[in-house]
Amino acid sequence: MTVLFACLVEAYVGKLYPRGGKVTLVQWPYADGKNEQASDACLKACRPAQAMK
């Protein structure tokens, strides 16, 4: 059973750079939400005992 039910967010994270009168995104690695989510063990350790009932 998963401890935390949350939507997984996928995003391109980068820097904005002005180019040709427009702003473009540069140095943009893709961050997949399923790879960035904390493990169940980590979440259990961080949550108060009352929240786990």
N, C-alpha and C. Protein backbone atom coordinates (compact mmCIF):
# COMPACT_ATOMS: atom_id res chain seq x y z
N MET A 1 0.84 -1.18 0.00
CA MET A 1 0.00 0.00 0.00
C MET A 1 0.89 1.24 0.00
N THR A 2 0.54 2.19 -0.81
CA THR A 2 1.29 3.44 -0.86
C THR A 2 0.84 4.35 0.27
N VAL A 3 1.77 4.95 0.94
CA VAL A 3 1.48 5.81 2.08
C VAL A 3 0.87 7.13 1.65
N LEU A 4 1.37 7.70 0.59
CA LEU A 4 0.92 9.02 0.16
C LEU A 4 0.29 8.90 -1.22
N PHE A 5 -0.95 9.34 -1.33
CA PHE A 5 -1.63 9.35 -2.61
C PHE A 5 -1.55 10.77 -3.16
N ALA A 6 -0.79 10.97 -4.20
CA ALA A 6 -0.63 12.29 -4.79
C ALA A 6 -0.43 12.14 -6.29
N CYS A 7 -0.78 13.16 -7.02
CA CYS A 7 -0.55 13.10 -8.46
C CYS A 7 0.94 13.28 -8.72
N LEU A 8 1.40 12.65 -9.74
CA LEU A 8 2.81 12.77 -10.12
C LEU A 8 2.94 13.90 -11.12
N VAL A 9 3.82 14.81 -10.85
CA VAL A 9 4.00 15.96 -11.71
C VAL A 9 5.23 15.73 -12.59
N GLU A 10 5.03 15.94 -13.86
CA GLU A 10 6.14 15.87 -14.80
C GLU A 10 6.43 17.29 -15.25
N ALA A 11 7.69 17.64 -15.38
CA ALA A 11 8.01 19.03 -15.71
C ALA A 11 9.34 19.14 -16.44
N TYR A 12 9.46 20.19 -17.20
CA TYR A 12 10.74 20.60 -17.74
C TYR A 12 11.23 21.74 -16.85
N VAL A 13 12.40 21.60 -16.27
CA VAL A 13 12.93 22.60 -15.36
C VAL A 13 14.18 23.19 -16.00
N GLY A 14 14.20 24.50 -16.15
CA GLY A 14 15.35 25.10 -16.80
C GLY A 14 15.48 26.58 -16.50
N LYS A 15 16.31 27.24 -17.29
CA LYS A 15 16.55 28.67 -17.14
C LYS A 15 15.93 29.40 -18.33
N LEU A 16 15.43 30.61 -18.07
CA LEU A 16 14.89 31.44 -19.13
C LEU A 16 16.00 32.32 -19.69
N TYR A 17 16.04 32.43 -21.02
CA TYR A 17 17.10 33.19 -21.68
C TYR A 17 16.49 34.01 -22.82
N PRO A 18 16.75 35.33 -22.85
CA PRO A 18 16.22 36.14 -23.96
C PRO A 18 16.99 35.86 -25.25
N ARG A 19 16.23 35.60 -26.31
CA ARG A 19 16.86 35.28 -27.60
C ARG A 19 15.96 35.79 -28.73
N GLY A 20 16.46 36.72 -29.51
CA GLY A 20 15.71 37.22 -30.65
C GLY A 20 14.42 37.93 -30.28
N GLY A 21 14.39 38.64 -29.17
CA GLY A 21 13.19 39.35 -28.76
C GLY A 21 12.18 38.48 -28.04
N LYS A 22 12.50 37.21 -27.87
CA LYS A 22 11.61 36.28 -27.16
C LYS A 22 12.40 35.62 -26.03
N VAL A 23 11.69 35.04 -25.12
CA VAL A 23 12.33 34.32 -24.03
C VAL A 23 12.20 32.83 -24.30
N THR A 24 13.32 32.11 -24.23
CA THR A 24 13.30 30.67 -24.46
C THR A 24 13.83 29.94 -23.23
N LEU A 25 13.48 28.68 -23.14
CA LEU A 25 13.93 27.83 -22.04
C LEU A 25 15.20 27.11 -22.46
N VAL A 26 16.26 27.27 -21.66
CA VAL A 26 17.54 26.62 -21.96
C VAL A 26 17.94 25.75 -20.78
N GLN A 27 18.84 24.82 -21.01
CA GLN A 27 19.32 23.89 -19.99
C GLN A 27 18.13 23.25 -19.27
N TRP A 28 17.30 22.54 -20.00
CA TRP A 28 16.03 22.05 -19.49
C TRP A 28 15.97 20.53 -19.38
N PRO A 29 16.43 19.97 -18.31
CA PRO A 29 16.26 18.52 -18.13
C PRO A 29 14.80 18.21 -17.81
N TYR A 30 14.36 17.07 -18.25
CA TYR A 30 13.00 16.60 -17.98
C TYR A 30 12.98 15.88 -16.64
N ALA A 31 12.07 16.24 -15.76
CA ALA A 31 11.95 15.60 -14.45
C ALA A 31 10.65 14.81 -14.40
N ASP A 32 10.74 13.49 -14.40
CA ASP A 32 9.57 12.63 -14.34
C ASP A 32 9.16 12.47 -12.88
N GLY A 33 7.90 12.73 -12.57
CA GLY A 33 7.43 12.69 -11.20
C GLY A 33 7.62 11.36 -10.50
N LYS A 34 7.50 10.24 -11.22
CA LYS A 34 7.63 8.94 -10.57
C LYS A 34 9.05 8.68 -10.09
N ASN A 35 10.03 9.33 -10.72
CA ASN A 35 11.42 9.17 -10.29
C ASN A 35 11.80 10.13 -9.17
N GLU A 36 11.01 11.17 -8.97
CA GLU A 36 11.33 12.20 -7.97
C GLU A 36 10.56 12.01 -6.67
N GLN A 37 9.59 11.11 -6.65
CA GLN A 37 8.76 10.92 -5.46
C GLN A 37 9.54 10.19 -4.36
N ALA A 38 9.33 10.62 -3.13
CA ALA A 38 10.00 9.99 -1.98
C ALA A 38 9.48 8.57 -1.78
N SER A 39 10.31 7.71 -1.20
CA SER A 39 9.91 6.33 -0.95
C SER A 39 8.91 6.26 0.20
N ASP A 40 8.18 5.16 0.30
CA ASP A 40 7.23 4.97 1.38
C ASP A 40 7.93 5.01 2.74
N ALA A 41 9.12 4.43 2.83
CA ALA A 41 9.87 4.42 4.10
C ALA A 41 10.22 5.84 4.53
N CYS A 42 10.60 6.68 3.59
CA CYS A 42 10.93 8.07 3.90
C CYS A 42 9.69 8.82 4.38
N LEU A 43 8.57 8.61 3.71
CA LEU A 43 7.33 9.28 4.09
C LEU A 43 6.86 8.84 5.48
N LYS A 44 6.97 7.55 5.78
CA LYS A 44 6.57 7.05 7.10
C LYS A 44 7.43 7.68 8.19
N ALA A 45 8.71 7.86 7.93
CA ALA A 45 9.62 8.43 8.92
C ALA A 45 9.33 9.92 9.16
N CYS A 46 8.84 10.61 8.16
CA CYS A 46 8.60 12.05 8.27
C CYS A 46 7.22 12.41 8.80
N ARG A 47 6.25 11.50 8.68
CA ARG A 47 4.88 11.80 9.08
C ARG A 47 4.67 11.57 10.56
N PRO A 48 3.84 12.38 11.22
CA PRO A 48 3.50 12.13 12.61
C PRO A 48 2.68 10.84 12.75
N ALA A 49 2.78 10.21 13.90
CA ALA A 49 2.09 8.93 14.13
C ALA A 49 0.58 9.08 13.97
N GLN A 50 0.01 10.21 14.35
CA GLN A 50 -1.44 10.42 14.23
C GLN A 50 -1.91 10.39 12.78
N ALA A 51 -1.09 10.83 11.87
CA ALA A 51 -1.45 10.86 10.46
C ALA A 51 -1.46 9.47 9.85
N MET A 52 -0.81 8.52 10.49
CA MET A 52 -0.72 7.16 9.95
C MET A 52 -1.88 6.26 10.40
N LYS A 53 -2.78 6.78 11.22
CA LYS A 53 -3.92 5.97 11.72
C LYS A 53 -4.99 5.85 10.67
